[in-house]
C-alpha atoms as a PDB file:
ATOM      1  CA  MET A   1       2.057 -25.585  10.108  1.00  0.00           C
ATOM      2  CA  THR A   2       3.655 -22.261  11.003  1.00  0.00           C
ATOM      3  CA  ASP A   3       6.189 -22.277  13.817  1.00  0.00           C
ATOM      4  CA  ALA A   4       4.543 -19.893  16.278  1.00  0.00           C
ATOM      5  CA  ALA A   5       7.792 -19.507  18.202  1.00  0.00           C
ATOM      6  CA  ALA A   6       9.440 -17.985  15.129  1.00  0.00           C
ATOM      7  CA  THR A   7       6.819 -15.222  14.912  1.00  0.00           C
ATOM      8  CA  ASP A   8       8.409 -11.902  15.865  1.00  0.00           C
ATOM      9  CA  TRP A   9       5.437  -9.653  15.069  1.00  0.00           C
ATOM     10  CA  ILE A  10       2.162  -9.569  13.146  1.00  0.00           C
ATOM     11  CA  ALA A  11       1.343  -7.203  10.257  1.00  0.00           C
ATOM     12  CA  VAL A  12      -2.356  -6.559   9.579  1.00  0.00           C
ATOM     13  CA  ASP A  13      -4.179  -4.621   6.887  1.00  0.00           C
ATOM     14  CA  TRP A  14      -7.764  -4.328   8.145  1.00  0.00           C
ATOM     15  CA  GLY A  15     -10.038  -2.880   5.490  1.00  0.00           C
ATOM     16  CA  THR A  16     -13.759  -2.289   5.200  1.00  0.00           C
ATOM     17  CA  SER A  17     -14.508  -5.573   3.415  1.00  0.00           C
ATOM     18  CA  ASN A  18     -11.678  -7.897   4.388  1.00  0.00           C
ATOM     19  CA  LEU A  19      -8.437  -8.234   6.257  1.00  0.00           C
ATOM     20  CA  ARG A  20      -4.982  -9.531   5.467  1.00  0.00           C
ATOM     21  CA  LEU A  21      -2.545 -10.770   8.084  1.00  0.00           C
ATOM     22  CA  TRP A  22       1.127 -11.665   7.830  1.00  0.00           C
ATOM     23  CA  ARG A  23       3.155 -13.489  10.492  1.00  0.00           C
ATOM     24  CA  MET A  24       6.609 -11.939  10.359  1.00  0.00           C
ATOM     25  CA  ALA A  25      10.007 -13.286  11.395  1.00  0.00           C
ATOM     26  CA  ALA A  26      12.572 -10.957  12.938  1.00  0.00           C
ATOM     27  CA  ASP A  27      14.510 -10.786   9.659  1.00  0.00           C
ATOM     28  CA  GLY A  28      11.443  -9.600   7.725  1.00  0.00           C
ATOM     29  CA  THR A  29      10.563 -12.975   6.248  1.00  0.00           C
ATOM     30  CA  VAL A  30       6.855 -13.731   5.866  1.00  0.00           C
ATOM     31  CA  LEU A  31       6.106 -16.936   7.753  1.00  0.00           C
ATOM     32  CA  GLU A  32       2.422 -17.085   6.867  1.00  0.00           C
ATOM     33  CA  ARG A  33      -0.188 -15.003   5.073  1.00  0.00           C
ATOM     34  CA  VAL A  34      -3.862 -15.233   6.023  1.00  0.00           C
ATOM     35  CA  GLU A  35      -6.797 -13.458   4.390  1.00  0.00           C
ATOM     36  CA  GLY A  36     -10.403 -13.276   5.544  1.00  0.00           C
ATOM     37  CA  ASP A  37     -13.668 -11.483   4.811  1.00  0.00           C
ATOM     38  CA  ALA A  38     -14.200 -10.147   8.349  1.00  0.00           C
ATOM     39  CA  GLY A  39     -13.704  -6.529   7.381  1.00  0.00           C
ATOM     40  CA  MET A  40     -14.474  -3.503   9.528  1.00  0.00           C
ATOM     41  CA  GLY A  41     -17.882  -3.110   7.898  1.00  0.00           C
ATOM     42  CA  ARG A  42     -19.059  -6.436   9.339  1.00  0.00           C
ATOM     43  CA  LEU A  43     -17.753  -6.006  12.876  1.00  0.00           C
ATOM     44  CA  SER A  44     -18.659  -4.143  16.034  1.00  0.00           C
ATOM     45  CA  PRO A  45     -15.781  -2.918  18.249  1.00  0.00           C
ATOM     46  CA  GLU A  46     -16.021  -5.915  20.570  1.00  0.00           C
ATOM     47  CA  ASP A  47     -15.671  -8.306  17.611  1.00  0.00           C
ATOM     48  CA  PHE A  48     -12.194  -7.249  16.531  1.00  0.00           C
ATOM     49  CA  GLU A  49     -10.157  -8.980  19.239  1.00  0.00           C
ATOM     50  CA  PRO A  50     -11.829 -12.415  18.913  1.00  0.00           C
ATOM     51  CA  THR A  51     -11.639 -12.136  15.117  1.00  0.00           C
ATOM     52  CA  LEU A  52      -7.911 -11.477  15.319  1.00  0.00           C
ATOM     53  CA  LEU A  53      -7.363 -14.312  17.789  1.00  0.00           C
ATOM     54  CA  SER A  54      -9.255 -16.727  15.546  1.00  0.00           C
ATOM     55  CA  LEU A  55      -6.548 -16.170  12.928  1.00  0.00           C
ATOM     56  CA  LEU A  56      -3.770 -16.720  15.494  1.00  0.00           C
ATOM     57  CA  PRO A  57      -4.827 -19.936  17.260  1.00  0.00           C
ATOM     58  CA  ASP A  58      -1.286 -20.925  18.267  1.00  0.00           C
ATOM     59  CA  LEU A  59      -0.060 -17.531  19.503  1.00  0.00           C
ATOM     60  CA  LYS A  60       2.322 -18.066  22.424  1.00  0.00           C
ATOM     61  CA  ALA A  61       4.127 -15.099  23.943  1.00  0.00           C
ATOM     62  CA  ARG A  62       3.077 -11.453  23.952  1.00  0.00           C
ATOM     63  CA  THR A  63       3.394 -10.279  20.362  1.00  0.00           C
ATOM     64  CA  THR A  64       3.261  -6.883  18.665  1.00  0.00           C
ATOM     65  CA  VAL A  65       0.414  -6.574  16.166  1.00  0.00           C
ATOM     66  CA  LEU A  66       0.757  -3.565  13.861  1.00  0.00           C
ATOM     67  CA  VAL A  67      -2.491  -2.643  12.087  1.00  0.00           C
ATOM     68  CA  CYS A  68      -3.263  -0.234   9.276  1.00  0.00           C
ATOM     69  CA  GLY A  69      -6.546   0.609   7.590  1.00  0.00           C
ATOM     70  CA  MET A  70     -10.164   0.935   8.608  1.00  0.00           C
ATOM     71  CA  ALA A  71      -9.772  -0.790  11.974  1.00  0.00           C
ATOM     72  CA  GLY A  72      -8.709   2.687  13.083  1.00  0.00           C
ATOM     73  CA  ALA A  73     -11.823   4.403  11.735  1.00  0.00           C
ATOM     74  CA  ARG A  74     -14.466   5.945  14.002  1.00  0.00           C
ATOM     75  CA  GLN A  75     -16.667   2.898  13.304  1.00  0.00           C
ATOM     76  CA  GLY A  76     -13.758   0.460  13.781  1.00  0.00           C
ATOM     77  CA  TRP A  77     -11.933  -1.159  16.680  1.00  0.00           C
ATOM     78  CA  ILE A  78     -10.746   2.097  18.188  1.00  0.00           C
ATOM     79  CA  GLU A  79     -10.404   5.467  16.487  1.00  0.00           C
ATOM     80  CA  ALA A  80      -6.834   6.320  15.550  1.00  0.00           C
ATOM     81  CA  PRO A  81      -5.905   9.970  14.949  1.00  0.00           C
ATOM     82  CA  TYR A  82      -4.871  11.520  11.643  1.00  0.00           C
ATOM     83  CA  LEU A  83      -1.502  13.014  10.843  1.00  0.00           C
ATOM     84  CA  SER A  84      -1.845  16.257   8.891  1.00  0.00           C
ATOM     85  CA  VAL A  85      -0.078  16.876   5.596  1.00  0.00           C
ATOM     86  CA  PRO A  86       2.655  17.602   4.889  1.00  0.00           C
ATOM     87  CA  CYS A  87       3.936  14.619   6.816  1.00  0.00           C
ATOM     88  CA  ALA A  88       5.930  11.427   6.509  1.00  0.00           C
ATOM     89  CA  PRO A  89       3.855   8.226   6.441  1.00  0.00           C
ATOM     90  CA  PRO A  90       2.961   7.072   9.965  1.00  0.00           C
ATOM     91  CA  LYS A  91       5.453   5.099  12.054  1.00  0.00           C
ATOM     92  CA  ALA A  92       4.725   2.385  14.623  1.00  0.00           C
ATOM     93  CA  ALA A  93       5.630   4.758  17.448  1.00  0.00           C
ATOM     94  CA  GLU A  94       2.757   6.990  16.328  1.00  0.00           C
ATOM     95  CA  GLY A  95       0.254   4.141  16.505  1.00  0.00           C
ATOM     96  CA  ILE A  96      -2.489   4.119  19.108  1.00  0.00           C
ATOM     97  CA  ALA A  97      -2.417   1.273  21.627  1.00  0.00           C
ATOM     98  CA  VAL A  98      -5.572  -0.847  21.747  1.00  0.00           C
ATOM     99  CA  PRO A  99      -6.701  -2.236  25.126  1.00  0.00           C
ATOM    100  CA  THR A 100      -7.126  -6.017  24.862  1.00  0.00           C
ATOM    101  CA  GLU A 101      -8.401  -8.715  27.171  1.00  0.00           C
ATOM    102  CA  ASP A 102      -5.832 -11.245  25.986  1.00  0.00           C
ATOM    103  CA  SER A 103      -2.390 -10.399  27.383  1.00  0.00           C
ATOM    104  CA  ARG A 104      -0.658 -12.045  24.411  1.00  0.00           C
ATOM    105  CA  LEU A 105      -1.728  -9.153  22.175  1.00  0.00           C
ATOM    106  CA  ASP A 106       0.156  -5.864  21.955  1.00  0.00           C
ATOM    107  CA  VAL A 107      -1.970  -4.146  19.305  1.00  0.00           C
ATOM    108  CA  ARG A 108      -1.223  -0.776  17.777  1.00  0.00           C
ATOM    109  CA  ILE A 109      -3.198   0.875  14.999  1.00  0.00           C
ATOM    110  CA  LEU A 110      -1.387   3.284  12.703  1.00  0.00           C
ATOM    111  CA  PRO A 111      -2.854   6.764  12.190  1.00  0.00           C
ATOM    112  CA  GLY A 112      -4.435   7.817   8.927  1.00  0.00           C
ATOM    113  CA  VAL A 113      -3.524  11.016   7.090  1.00  0.00           C
ATOM    114  CA  SER A 114      -5.703  14.116   6.738  1.00  0.00           C
ATOM    115  CA  GLN A 115      -5.716  17.310   4.708  1.00  0.00           C
ATOM    116  CA  ASN A 116      -7.393  20.461   5.943  1.00  0.00           C
ATOM    117  CA  SER A 117      -8.154  22.187   2.618  1.00  0.00           C
ATOM    118  CA  PRO A 118      -9.632  20.806   0.543  1.00  0.00           C
ATOM    119  CA  ALA A 119     -10.817  18.506   3.318  1.00  0.00           C
ATOM    120  CA  ASP A 120      -9.702  14.929   2.729  1.00  0.00           C
ATOM    121  CA  VAL A 121      -8.693  11.808   4.643  1.00  0.00           C
ATOM    122  CA  MET A 122      -7.129   8.420   3.999  1.00  0.00           C
ATOM    123  CA  ARG A 123      -6.726   5.241   6.003  1.00  0.00           C
ATOM    124  CA  GLY A 124      -4.621   2.410   4.633  1.00  0.00           C
ATOM    125  CA  GLU A 125      -3.449   4.085   1.442  1.00  0.00           C
ATOM    126  CA  GLU A 126      -0.756   5.969   3.371  1.00  0.00           C
ATOM    127  CA  THR A 127       0.766   2.601   4.284  1.00  0.00           C
ATOM    128  CA  GLN A 128       0.916   1.633   0.602  1.00  0.00           C
ATOM    129  CA  VAL A 129       2.590   4.976  -0.065  1.00  0.00           C
ATOM    130  CA  ALA A 130       5.083   4.197   2.700  1.00  0.00           C
ATOM    131  CA  GLY A 131       5.826   0.829   1.121  1.00  0.00           C
ATOM    132  CA  PHE A 132       6.404   2.352  -2.305  1.00  0.00           C
ATOM    133  CA  LEU A 133       8.714   5.009  -0.841  1.00  0.00           C
ATOM    134  CA  ALA A 134      10.629   2.366   1.131  1.00  0.00           C
ATOM    135  CA  LEU A 135      11.416   0.593  -2.141  1.00  0.00           C
ATOM    136  CA  ASN A 136      11.810   3.820  -4.166  1.00  0.00           C
ATOM    137  CA  PRO A 137      13.340   6.327  -1.714  1.00  0.00           C
ATOM    138  CA  ARG A 138      14.261   8.860  -4.411  1.00  0.00           C
ATOM    139  CA  PHE A 139      10.797   9.015  -5.962  1.00  0.00           C
ATOM    140  CA  ASP A 140       9.323  12.498  -6.234  1.00  0.00           C
ATOM    141  CA  GLY A 141       6.038  12.664  -8.056  1.00  0.00           C
ATOM    142  CA  VAL A 142       2.513  11.367  -7.775  1.00  0.00           C
ATOM    143  CA  ILE A 143       1.200   8.041  -6.550  1.00  0.00           C
ATOM    144  CA  CYS A 144      -2.281   7.105  -7.768  1.00  0.00           C
ATOM    145  CA  LEU A 145      -4.209   4.424  -5.923  1.00  0.00           C
ATOM    146  CA  PRO A 146      -7.282   3.459  -7.986  1.00  0.00           C
ATOM    147  CA  GLY A 147     -10.124   1.855  -6.090  1.00  0.00           C
ATOM    148  CA  THR A 148     -13.502   2.465  -4.536  1.00  0.00           C
ATOM    149  CA  HIS A 149     -12.212   5.887  -3.507  1.00  0.00           C
ATOM    150  CA  SER A 150      -9.216   6.626  -5.726  1.00  0.00           C
ATOM    151  CA  LYS A 151      -6.384   8.673  -4.246  1.00  0.00           C
ATOM    152  CA  TRP A 152      -3.919  10.971  -5.992  1.00  0.00           C
ATOM    153  CA  VAL A 153      -0.990  11.583  -3.646  1.00  0.00           C
ATOM    154  CA  HIS A 154       1.815  14.094  -4.235  1.00  0.00           C
ATOM    155  CA  VAL A 155       4.997  12.933  -2.510  1.00  0.00           C
ATOM    156  CA  SER A 156       8.340  14.698  -2.221  1.00  0.00           C
ATOM    157  CA  ALA A 157      11.426  14.112  -0.071  1.00  0.00           C
ATOM    158  CA  GLY A 158       9.745  11.149   1.609  1.00  0.00           C
ATOM    159  CA  GLU A 159       6.667  13.109   2.670  1.00  0.00           C
ATOM    160  CA  ILE A 160       3.016  13.217   1.638  1.00  0.00           C
ATOM    161  CA  ILE A 161       2.560  16.818   0.489  1.00  0.00           C
ATOM    162  CA  SER A 162      -1.084  16.799  -0.607  1.00  0.00           C
ATOM    163  CA  PHE A 163      -3.759  14.442  -1.944  1.00  0.00           C
ATOM    164  CA  ARG A 164      -7.250  14.266  -3.427  1.00  0.00           C
ATOM    165  CA  SER A 165      -9.808  11.474  -3.256  1.00  0.00           C
ATOM    166  CA  PHE A 166     -12.317  10.590  -5.988  1.00  0.00           C
ATOM    167  CA  MET A 167     -15.379   8.363  -5.486  1.00  0.00           C
ATOM    168  CA  THR A 168     -15.003   6.923  -8.982  1.00  0.00           C
ATOM    169  CA  GLY A 169     -15.199   3.255  -8.020  1.00  0.00           C
ATOM    170  CA  GLU A 170     -18.171   3.725  -5.733  1.00  0.00           C
ATOM    171  CA  ILE A 171     -20.033   5.760  -8.365  1.00  0.00           C
ATOM    172  CA  PHE A 172     -19.403   3.017 -10.935  1.00  0.00           C
ATOM    173  CA  GLU A 173     -20.844   0.440  -8.522  1.00  0.00           C
ATOM    174  CA  LEU A 174     -23.904   2.555  -7.768  1.00  0.00           C
ATOM    175  CA  LEU A 175     -24.626   3.307 -11.412  1.00  0.00           C
ATOM    176  CA  SER A 176     -24.030  -0.239 -12.599  1.00  0.00           C
ATOM    177  CA  GLN A 177     -26.094  -1.878  -9.867  1.00  0.00           C
ATOM    178  CA  ARG A 178     -28.783   0.611  -8.832  1.00  0.00           C
ATOM    179  CA  SER A 179     -29.470   2.913 -11.760  1.00  0.00           C
ATOM    180  CA  VAL A 180     -31.377   2.407 -14.992  1.00  0.00           C
ATOM    181  CA  LEU A 181     -28.023   1.714 -16.660  1.00  0.00           C
ATOM    182  CA  ARG A 182     -27.845  -1.688 -14.971  1.00  0.00           C
ATOM    183  CA  HIS A 183     -30.182  -3.146 -17.599  1.00  0.00           C
ATOM    184  CA  GLY A 184     -27.691  -2.609 -20.416  1.00  0.00           C
ATOM    185  CA  LEU A 185     -24.307  -3.356 -18.841  1.00  0.00           C
ATOM    186  CA  GLY A 186     -22.293  -6.538 -19.343  1.00  0.00           C
ATOM    187  CA  GLN A 187     -19.341  -8.170 -17.614  1.00  0.00           C
ATOM    188  CA  GLY A 188     -16.957  -8.030 -20.585  1.00  0.00           C
ATOM    189  CA  TRP A 189     -14.819  -5.241 -22.014  1.00  0.00           C
ATOM    190  CA  ASP A 190     -14.223  -3.176 -25.144  1.00  0.00           C
ATOM    191  CA  ASP A 191     -10.890  -1.314 -25.340  1.00  0.00           C
ATOM    192  CA  ALA A 192     -11.963   1.028 -28.118  1.00  0.00           C
ATOM    193  CA  ALA A 193     -15.166   2.022 -26.326  1.00  0.00           C
ATOM    194  CA  PHE A 194     -13.227   2.691 -23.123  1.00  0.00           C
ATOM    195  CA  ALA A 195     -10.596   4.853 -24.846  1.00  0.00           C
ATOM    196  CA  ALA A 196     -13.226   6.890 -26.715  1.00  0.00           C
ATOM    197  CA  ALA A 197     -15.185   7.493 -23.505  1.00  0.00           C
ATOM    198  CA  VAL A 198     -12.086   8.654 -21.611  1.00  0.00           C
ATOM    199  CA  ASP A 199     -11.314  11.113 -24.385  1.00  0.00           C
ATOM    200  CA  GLN A 200     -14.934  12.290 -24.492  1.00  0.00           C
ATOM    201  CA  ALA A 201     -15.149  12.887 -20.745  1.00  0.00           C
ATOM    202  CA  MET A 202     -11.833  14.737 -20.612  1.00  0.00           C
ATOM    203  CA  GLY A 203     -12.717  16.908 -23.603  1.00  0.00           C
ATOM    204  CA  ARG A 204     -16.345  17.665 -22.690  1.00  0.00           C
ATOM    205  CA  PRO A 205     -16.812  17.084 -18.949  1.00  0.00           C
ATOM    206  CA  ALA A 206     -19.922  19.306 -18.812  1.00  0.00           C
ATOM    207  CA  GLY A 207     -21.825  16.698 -20.815  1.00  0.00           C
ATOM    208  CA  PHE A 208     -21.128  13.866 -18.385  1.00  0.00           C
ATOM    209  CA  ALA A 209     -24.672  13.399 -17.040  1.00  0.00           C
ATOM    210  CA  ALA A 210     -26.169  13.435 -20.535  1.00  0.00           C
ATOM    211  CA  GLU A 211     -23.602  10.929 -21.799  1.00  0.00           C
ATOM    212  CA  LEU A 212     -24.606   8.544 -19.042  1.00  0.00           C
ATOM    213  CA  PHE A 213     -28.185   8.383 -20.298  1.00  0.00           C
ATOM    214  CA  THR A 214     -26.943   8.036 -23.858  1.00  0.00           C
ATOM    215  CA  LEU A 215     -25.566   4.643 -22.821  1.00  0.00           C
ATOM    216  CA  ARG A 216     -29.102   3.520 -22.057  1.00  0.00           C
ATOM    217  CA  ALA A 217     -30.587   5.060 -25.189  1.00  0.00           C
ATOM    218  CA  GLU A 218     -27.957   3.609 -27.517  1.00  0.00           C
ATOM    219  CA  GLY A 219     -28.585   0.175 -26.103  1.00  0.00           C
ATOM    220  CA  LEU A 220     -32.297   0.493 -26.855  1.00  0.00           C
ATOM    221  CA  LEU A 221     -32.076   2.205 -30.248  1.00  0.00           C
ATOM    222  CA  HIS A 222     -28.779   1.177 -31.802  1.00  0.00           C
ATOM    223  CA  GLY A 223     -27.878  -2.132 -30.180  1.00  0.00           C
ATOM    224  CA  LEU A 224     -24.931  -0.930 -28.129  1.00  0.00           C
ATOM    225  CA  SER A 225     -23.470  -4.131 -26.714  1.00  0.00           C
ATOM    226  CA  PRO A 226     -23.511  -4.609 -22.928  1.00  0.00           C
ATOM    227  CA  ASP A 227     -19.718  -5.037 -22.873  1.00  0.00           C
ATOM    228  CA  ALA A 228     -19.138  -1.809 -24.811  1.00  0.00           C
ATOM    229  CA  ALA A 229     -21.604  -0.017 -22.524  1.00  0.00           C
ATOM    230  CA  ALA A 230     -19.720  -1.171 -19.406  1.00  0.00           C
ATOM    231  CA  ALA A 231     -16.401  -0.079 -20.880  1.00  0.00           C
ATOM    232  CA  ARG A 232     -17.858   3.307 -21.861  1.00  0.00           C
ATOM    233  CA  LEU A 233     -19.246   3.846 -18.377  1.00  0.00           C
ATOM    234  CA  SER A 234     -15.843   3.099 -16.864  1.00  0.00           C
ATOM    235  CA  GLY A 235     -14.158   5.350 -19.403  1.00  0.00           C
ATOM    236  CA  LEU A 236     -16.507   8.261 -18.721  1.00  0.00           C
ATOM    237  CA  LEU A 237     -15.906   8.021 -14.978  1.00  0.00           C
ATOM    238  CA  ILE A 238     -12.133   7.604 -15.213  1.00  0.00           C
ATOM    239  CA  GLY A 239     -11.975  10.386 -17.785  1.00  0.00           C
ATOM    240  CA  MET A 240     -13.820  12.708 -15.423  1.00  0.00           C
ATOM    241  CA  GLU A 241     -11.389  11.780 -12.659  1.00  0.00           C
ATOM    242  CA  LEU A 242      -8.341  12.396 -14.832  1.00  0.00           C
ATOM    243  CA  SER A 243      -9.737  15.739 -15.902  1.00  0.00           C
ATOM    244  CA  ALA A 244     -10.147  16.859 -12.287  1.00  0.00           C
ATOM    245  CA  ALA A 245      -6.804  15.359 -11.209  1.00  0.00           C
ATOM    246  CA  LYS A 246      -4.849  17.014 -14.026  1.00  0.00           C
ATOM    247  CA  PRO A 247      -2.877  19.275 -11.636  1.00  0.00           C
ATOM    248  CA  TYR A 248      -1.476  16.094 -10.101  1.00  0.00           C
ATOM    249  CA  TRP A 249      -0.429  14.137 -13.185  1.00  0.00           C
ATOM    250  CA  LEU A 250       0.429  16.866 -15.692  1.00  0.00           C
ATOM    251  CA  GLY A 251       4.164  17.048 -16.300  1.00  0.00           C
ATOM    252  CA  THR A 252       5.200  14.360 -13.824  1.00  0.00           C
ATOM    253  CA  SER A 253       5.580  10.605 -13.533  1.00  0.00           C
ATOM    254  CA  VAL A 254       2.806   8.613 -11.910  1.00  0.00           C
ATOM    255  CA  ALA A 255       3.086   5.391  -9.916  1.00  0.00           C
ATOM    256  CA  LEU A 256      -0.050   3.241  -9.979  1.00  0.00           C
ATOM    257  CA  LEU A 257      -0.864   0.985  -7.017  1.00  0.00           C
ATOM    258  CA  GLY A 258      -3.983  -1.161  -6.903  1.00  0.00           C
ATOM    259  CA  ALA A 259      -5.840  -4.153  -8.296  1.00  0.00           C
ATOM    260  CA  SER A 260      -4.200  -5.207 -11.565  1.00  0.00           C
ATOM    261  CA  LYS A 261      -7.328  -4.991 -13.747  1.00  0.00           C
ATOM    262  CA  LEU A 262      -8.242  -1.497 -12.587  1.00  0.00           C
ATOM    263  CA  VAL A 263      -4.625  -0.339 -12.737  1.00  0.00           C
ATOM    264  CA  ALA A 264      -4.512  -1.477 -16.373  1.00  0.00           C
ATOM    265  CA  HIS A 265      -7.454   0.796 -17.211  1.00  0.00           C
ATOM    266  CA  TYR A 266      -5.839   3.803 -15.520  1.00  0.00           C
ATOM    267  CA  ARG A 267      -2.549   3.039 -17.210  1.00  0.00           C
ATOM    268  CA  LYS A 268      -4.140   3.075 -20.667  1.00  0.00           C
ATOM    269  CA  ALA A 269      -5.958   6.319 -19.888  1.00  0.00           C
ATOM    270  CA  LEU A 270      -2.801   8.023 -18.590  1.00  0.00           C
ATOM    271  CA  GLU A 271      -0.527   6.764 -21.361  1.00  0.00           C
ATOM    272  CA  ALA A 272      -3.003   8.178 -23.884  1.00  0.00           C
ATOM    273  CA  GLN A 273      -2.137  11.554 -22.307  1.00  0.00           C
ATOM    274  CA  ALA A 274       1.616  10.819 -22.709  1.00  0.00           C
ATOM    275  CA  VAL A 275       2.056  10.394 -18.942  1.00  0.00           C
ATOM    276  CA  PRO A 276       4.920   8.053 -17.922  1.00  0.00           C
ATOM    277  CA  VAL A 277       3.559   5.354 -15.628  1.00  0.00           C
ATOM    278  CA  LEU A 278       5.156   3.026 -13.077  1.00  0.00           C
ATOM    279  CA  ILE A 279       3.276  -0.031 -11.775  1.00  0.00           C
ATOM    280  CA  ALA A 280       3.621  -1.485  -8.280  1.00  0.00           C
ATOM    281  CA  ASP A 281       1.780  -4.349  -6.611  1.00  0.00           C
ATOM    282  CA  ALA A 282      -0.579  -2.942  -3.980  1.00  0.00           C
ATOM    283  CA  ASP A 283      -0.500  -6.036  -1.768  1.00  0.00           C
ATOM    284  CA  ARG A 284       3.274  -5.922  -1.587  1.00  0.00           C
ATOM    285  CA  MET A 285       3.289  -2.171  -0.978  1.00  0.00           C
ATOM    286  CA  THR A 286       1.005  -2.603   2.029  1.00  0.00           C
ATOM    287  CA  LEU A 287       3.294  -5.173   3.605  1.00  0.00           C
ATOM    288  CA  GLU A 288       6.403  -3.127   2.800  1.00  0.00           C
ATOM    289  CA  GLY A 289       4.739  -0.110   4.383  1.00  0.00           C
ATOM    290  CA  LEU A 290       3.978  -2.005   7.583  1.00  0.00           C
ATOM    291  CA  LYS A 291       7.538  -3.329   7.616  1.00  0.00           C
ATOM    292  CA  ALA A 292       8.884   0.208   7.185  1.00  0.00           C
ATOM    293  CA  ALA A 293       6.739   1.468  10.077  1.00  0.00           C
ATOM    294  CA  ARG A 294       7.951  -1.393  12.268  1.00  0.00           C
ATOM    295  CA  LYS A 295      11.608  -0.878  11.243  1.00  0.00           C
ATOM    296  CA  GLU A 296      11.562   2.757  12.333  1.00  0.00           C
ATOM    297  CA  GLU A 297      10.522   1.647  15.813  1.00  0.00           C
ATOM    298  CA  THR A 298      13.030  -1.174  16.222  1.00  0.00           C
ATOM    299  CA  GLN A 299      15.880   1.054  15.054  1.00  0.00           C
ATOM    300  CA  ALA A 300      14.887   4.008  17.243  1.00  0.00           C
END
């Protein structure tokens, strides 16, 4: 059982599908980690406070709760503003205070980051960037965060300079679950098929839509295996992303943050282009980013 009296503050990453919560001691030690599936997408604004309290049943005194992610979206708990690039990752002092009924909660939601042209926004990824920079303060280069909406983030001198988002993960989900391709896709993997598809998409991006239907036709006519088809679909999509993101990764080092399986695919695709790659654990980067935001406030 966690000693509630030892809890100095609470770190929360509140995403669309789930949330992660860490009870933190004053020295930065994690006292407890809790994860749940009550993401922003399942909640109305009035549901956030009771959901948070259900994860903190023994909360005693008034406690700071620092939140990043989609809880600050327009459809979330309360809309948090965006900081405009170029900017340093958000600090706790820049968070928006959330009115609560329970006086034990001092909740602040960190801002997201926006870009005017080309128009782009992020919520949550900027905290992972902050965590990576806290551990790698001299890093100048590009941080790639693969996911539902992949982000390519140019950082320099501790600031986010620019970024681009790609709907690669969401497109893969839509095509694999709702298009005609779903009939021929498996759950396994084929490294050679993936690598060939990445190369094909980067070399001939104009043929992307036709190559998608070829996956279906090859399954019907030539016995393309479902696993190879799934790997080719992923390779085509990631190859298209790398082609468009080339101004970000060409001639620089890239740090990859995200789910290990997806990161492995991006790593193979980038290393095939002779791009040096660093790997960092996304879960840890989120916590380190929240700790960095909190530290700035306590040392101010």
